[in-house]
Amino acid sequence: MTETAPTNVTDLSFEDALKRLEAIVSRLESGDASLDESISLYAEGDKLRGQCEARLAAAQARIEKITLGQDGRPTGTQPFDGG
C-alpha cells in the first residue's frame, strides 16, 4: 500500500498535510517500509511537519482577542500575544 505524495507540500491544506503526515508515521511505525522508502518518507514527513507548523503559526498570528471596556462591552481587538 504505497500512497503517492504530492509534488509540493505547500499545495496541501493543513488537514490534508496532517493526514499525510499521520499516514507516513503509521507506515514508518509498521516497519514494512524498506530503508530507502523509510528515508524518503522521513524526508517528506519533515517537510510536512514544517508546513503544518508554518500554517499553525500563521493562524495564531491572525487570532485576535477582544478587548472590553470598563462597562464590559467590546471596545476593539488586540493581536494575540501567545501567552
N, C-alpha and C. Protein backbone atom coordinates (compact mmCIF):
# COMPACT_ATOMS: atom_id res chain seq x y z
N MET A 1 0.83 -1.18 0.00
CA MET A 1 0.00 0.00 0.00
C MET A 1 0.87 1.24 0.00
N THR A 2 1.28 1.70 -1.14
CA THR A 2 2.11 2.90 -1.25
C THR A 2 1.25 4.04 -1.74
N GLU A 3 1.26 5.13 -0.97
CA GLU A 3 0.50 6.30 -1.36
C GLU A 3 1.40 7.24 -2.13
N THR A 4 0.87 7.88 -3.14
CA THR A 4 1.67 8.82 -3.90
C THR A 4 1.65 10.17 -3.21
N ALA A 5 2.80 10.81 -3.15
CA ALA A 5 2.93 12.10 -2.49
C ALA A 5 2.73 13.20 -3.51
N PRO A 6 2.15 14.31 -3.08
CA PRO A 6 2.02 15.44 -3.98
C PRO A 6 3.40 16.01 -4.29
N THR A 7 3.52 16.71 -5.40
CA THR A 7 4.81 17.25 -5.79
C THR A 7 5.22 18.41 -4.89
N ASN A 8 4.27 19.10 -4.28
CA ASN A 8 4.58 20.26 -3.47
C ASN A 8 3.71 20.24 -2.21
N VAL A 9 4.31 20.10 -1.05
CA VAL A 9 3.54 20.03 0.18
C VAL A 9 2.83 21.34 0.49
N THR A 10 3.31 22.44 -0.05
CA THR A 10 2.66 23.72 0.21
C THR A 10 1.30 23.82 -0.47
N ASP A 11 1.02 22.91 -1.40
CA ASP A 11 -0.29 22.90 -2.06
C ASP A 11 -1.37 22.22 -1.21
N LEU A 12 -0.96 21.53 -0.16
CA LEU A 12 -1.91 20.81 0.68
C LEU A 12 -2.53 21.73 1.72
N SER A 13 -3.78 21.48 2.04
CA SER A 13 -4.39 22.17 3.17
C SER A 13 -3.74 21.64 4.44
N PHE A 14 -3.93 22.34 5.55
CA PHE A 14 -3.38 21.88 6.82
C PHE A 14 -3.90 20.48 7.13
N GLU A 15 -5.21 20.28 6.95
CA GLU A 15 -5.82 18.99 7.27
C GLU A 15 -5.26 17.87 6.40
N ASP A 16 -5.09 18.14 5.10
CA ASP A 16 -4.53 17.12 4.20
C ASP A 16 -3.07 16.82 4.53
N ALA A 17 -2.31 17.87 4.86
CA ALA A 17 -0.91 17.67 5.23
C ALA A 17 -0.81 16.84 6.50
N LEU A 18 -1.68 17.11 7.47
CA LEU A 18 -1.68 16.35 8.72
C LEU A 18 -2.06 14.89 8.48
N LYS A 19 -3.06 14.66 7.62
CA LYS A 19 -3.45 13.28 7.30
C LYS A 19 -2.30 12.53 6.64
N ARG A 20 -1.62 13.19 5.72
CA ARG A 20 -0.49 12.56 5.03
C ARG A 20 0.63 12.26 6.03
N LEU A 21 0.88 13.21 6.93
CA LEU A 21 1.91 13.01 7.95
C LEU A 21 1.55 11.82 8.85
N GLU A 22 0.29 11.71 9.23
CA GLU A 22 -0.14 10.57 10.04
C GLU A 22 0.05 9.26 9.28
N ALA A 23 -0.24 9.26 7.98
CA ALA A 23 -0.05 8.04 7.17
C ALA A 23 1.43 7.66 7.11
N ILE A 24 2.29 8.68 7.00
CA ILE A 24 3.73 8.42 6.95
C ILE A 24 4.20 7.83 8.27
N VAL A 25 3.78 8.42 9.37
CA VAL A 25 4.17 7.90 10.69
C VAL A 25 3.71 6.46 10.85
N SER A 26 2.48 6.18 10.44
CA SER A 26 1.95 4.83 10.54
C SER A 26 2.78 3.86 9.71
N ARG A 27 3.13 4.26 8.52
CA ARG A 27 3.93 3.41 7.63
C ARG A 27 5.31 3.15 8.23
N LEU A 28 5.92 4.20 8.76
CA LEU A 28 7.24 4.03 9.36
C LEU A 28 7.18 3.16 10.62
N GLU A 29 6.14 3.35 11.43
CA GLU A 29 6.00 2.55 12.64
C GLU A 29 5.71 1.08 12.36
N SER A 30 5.10 0.81 11.21
CA SER A 30 4.76 -0.57 10.88
C SER A 30 6.01 -1.42 10.62
N GLY A 31 7.09 -0.77 10.20
CA GLY A 31 8.31 -1.49 9.89
C GLY A 31 8.29 -2.18 8.55
N ASP A 32 7.24 -1.95 7.76
CA ASP A 32 7.12 -2.61 6.46
C ASP A 32 7.87 -1.89 5.33
N ALA A 33 8.31 -0.66 5.58
CA ALA A 33 8.98 0.11 4.53
C ALA A 33 10.45 -0.31 4.44
N SER A 34 10.96 -0.34 3.22
CA SER A 34 12.38 -0.61 3.02
C SER A 34 13.18 0.59 3.55
N LEU A 35 14.47 0.43 3.66
CA LEU A 35 15.32 1.51 4.15
C LEU A 35 15.21 2.74 3.25
N ASP A 36 15.29 2.54 1.93
CA ASP A 36 15.19 3.67 1.01
C ASP A 36 13.84 4.35 1.10
N GLU A 37 12.77 3.56 1.20
CA GLU A 37 11.44 4.13 1.33
C GLU A 37 11.30 4.87 2.67
N SER A 38 11.87 4.31 3.71
CA SER A 38 11.82 4.95 5.03
C SER A 38 12.51 6.31 5.00
N ILE A 39 13.64 6.38 4.34
CA ILE A 39 14.37 7.65 4.23
C ILE A 39 13.55 8.66 3.45
N SER A 40 12.93 8.24 2.36
CA SER A 40 12.09 9.14 1.57
C SER A 40 10.87 9.60 2.36
N LEU A 41 10.25 8.66 3.07
CA LEU A 41 9.09 9.00 3.88
C LEU A 41 9.47 9.98 4.99
N TYR A 42 10.61 9.75 5.62
CA TYR A 42 11.06 10.63 6.69
C TYR A 42 11.28 12.05 6.15
N ALA A 43 11.91 12.15 4.99
CA ALA A 43 12.15 13.47 4.39
C ALA A 43 10.84 14.17 4.06
N GLU A 44 9.90 13.43 3.50
CA GLU A 44 8.59 14.01 3.19
C GLU A 44 7.88 14.43 4.48
N GLY A 45 7.96 13.57 5.49
CA GLY A 45 7.33 13.88 6.77
C GLY A 45 7.91 15.14 7.40
N ASP A 46 9.21 15.32 7.27
CA ASP A 46 9.85 16.52 7.81
C ASP A 46 9.34 17.77 7.09
N LYS A 47 9.18 17.70 5.79
CA LYS A 47 8.62 18.83 5.03
C LYS A 47 7.18 19.12 5.45
N LEU A 48 6.40 18.05 5.62
CA LEU A 48 5.01 18.21 6.04
C LEU A 48 4.92 18.80 7.44
N ARG A 49 5.78 18.35 8.34
CA ARG A 49 5.82 18.89 9.70
C ARG A 49 6.10 20.38 9.67
N GLY A 50 7.08 20.79 8.88
CA GLY A 50 7.40 22.20 8.74
C GLY A 50 6.24 23.00 8.18
N GLN A 51 5.57 22.43 7.20
CA GLN A 51 4.41 23.10 6.59
C GLN A 51 3.28 23.26 7.61
N CYS A 52 3.02 22.21 8.38
CA CYS A 52 1.97 22.29 9.40
C CYS A 52 2.31 23.33 10.46
N GLU A 53 3.56 23.35 10.90
CA GLU A 53 3.99 24.35 11.88
C GLU A 53 3.83 25.76 11.35
N ALA A 54 4.19 25.97 10.08
CA ALA A 54 4.06 27.30 9.48
C ALA A 54 2.60 27.72 9.39
N ARG A 55 1.74 26.79 9.00
CA ARG A 55 0.31 27.11 8.92
C ARG A 55 -0.26 27.43 10.29
N LEU A 56 0.15 26.69 11.32
CA LEU A 56 -0.33 26.97 12.68
C LEU A 56 0.16 28.33 13.17
N ALA A 57 1.42 28.65 12.88
CA ALA A 57 1.96 29.95 13.29
C ALA A 57 1.21 31.09 12.59
N ALA A 58 0.90 30.91 11.31
CA ALA A 58 0.16 31.93 10.58
C ALA A 58 -1.25 32.09 11.14
N ALA A 59 -1.87 30.99 11.49
CA ALA A 59 -3.22 31.06 12.06
C ALA A 59 -3.18 31.74 13.42
N GLN A 60 -2.19 31.42 14.22
CA GLN A 60 -2.07 32.03 15.53
C GLN A 60 -1.84 33.53 15.41
N ALA A 61 -1.07 33.95 14.43
CA ALA A 61 -0.82 35.37 14.22
C ALA A 61 -2.09 36.12 13.83
N ARG A 62 -3.04 35.44 13.23
CA ARG A 62 -4.29 36.09 12.80
C ARG A 62 -5.33 36.14 13.91
N ILE A 63 -5.12 35.37 14.95
CA ILE A 63 -6.09 35.35 16.05
C ILE A 63 -6.00 36.66 16.81
N GLU A 64 -7.13 37.22 17.11
CA GLU A 64 -7.18 38.45 17.89
C GLU A 64 -8.03 38.22 19.12
N LYS A 65 -7.70 38.92 20.17
CA LYS A 65 -8.54 38.83 21.34
C LYS A 65 -9.37 40.11 21.44
N ILE A 66 -10.57 39.96 21.91
CA ILE A 66 -11.48 41.08 22.04
C ILE A 66 -11.16 41.79 23.35
N THR A 67 -11.05 43.11 23.27
CA THR A 67 -10.83 43.89 24.48
C THR A 67 -12.15 44.47 24.95
N LEU A 68 -12.31 44.51 26.25
CA LEU A 68 -13.55 45.01 26.84
C LEU A 68 -13.29 46.31 27.59
N GLY A 69 -14.26 47.20 27.54
CA GLY A 69 -14.18 48.44 28.28
C GLY A 69 -14.59 48.20 29.73
N GLN A 70 -14.56 49.28 30.52
CA GLN A 70 -14.92 49.16 31.94
C GLN A 70 -16.36 48.73 32.13
N ASP A 71 -17.20 49.02 31.14
CA ASP A 71 -18.60 48.62 31.24
C ASP A 71 -18.84 47.19 30.77
N GLY A 72 -17.77 46.50 30.36
CA GLY A 72 -17.90 45.11 29.92
C GLY A 72 -18.26 44.95 28.46
N ARG A 73 -18.37 46.04 27.74
CA ARG A 73 -18.70 45.97 26.31
C ARG A 73 -17.42 45.91 25.48
N PRO A 74 -17.48 45.24 24.34
CA PRO A 74 -16.31 45.17 23.48
C PRO A 74 -15.91 46.56 22.99
N THR A 75 -14.60 46.85 23.05
CA THR A 75 -14.10 48.13 22.61
C THR A 75 -13.17 48.00 21.40
N GLY A 76 -12.76 46.82 21.08
CA GLY A 76 -11.86 46.61 19.96
C GLY A 76 -11.17 45.27 20.08
N THR A 77 -10.10 45.13 19.33
CA THR A 77 -9.32 43.90 19.37
C THR A 77 -7.85 44.22 19.53
N GLN A 78 -7.11 43.23 20.01
CA GLN A 78 -5.67 43.31 20.12
C GLN A 78 -5.09 42.04 19.50
N PRO A 79 -3.89 42.11 18.94
CA PRO A 79 -3.27 40.89 18.42
C PRO A 79 -3.08 39.87 19.53
N PHE A 80 -3.16 38.61 19.16
CA PHE A 80 -2.93 37.51 20.10
C PHE A 80 -1.50 37.61 20.60
N ASP A 81 -1.30 37.50 21.91
CA ASP A 81 0.05 37.62 22.47
C ASP A 81 0.72 36.27 22.74
N GLY A 82 -0.02 35.18 22.54
CA GLY A 82 0.56 33.86 22.70
C GLY A 82 0.77 33.44 24.15
N GLY A 83 0.40 34.25 25.08
CA GLY A 83 0.66 33.89 26.47
C GLY A 83 -0.52 33.73 27.26
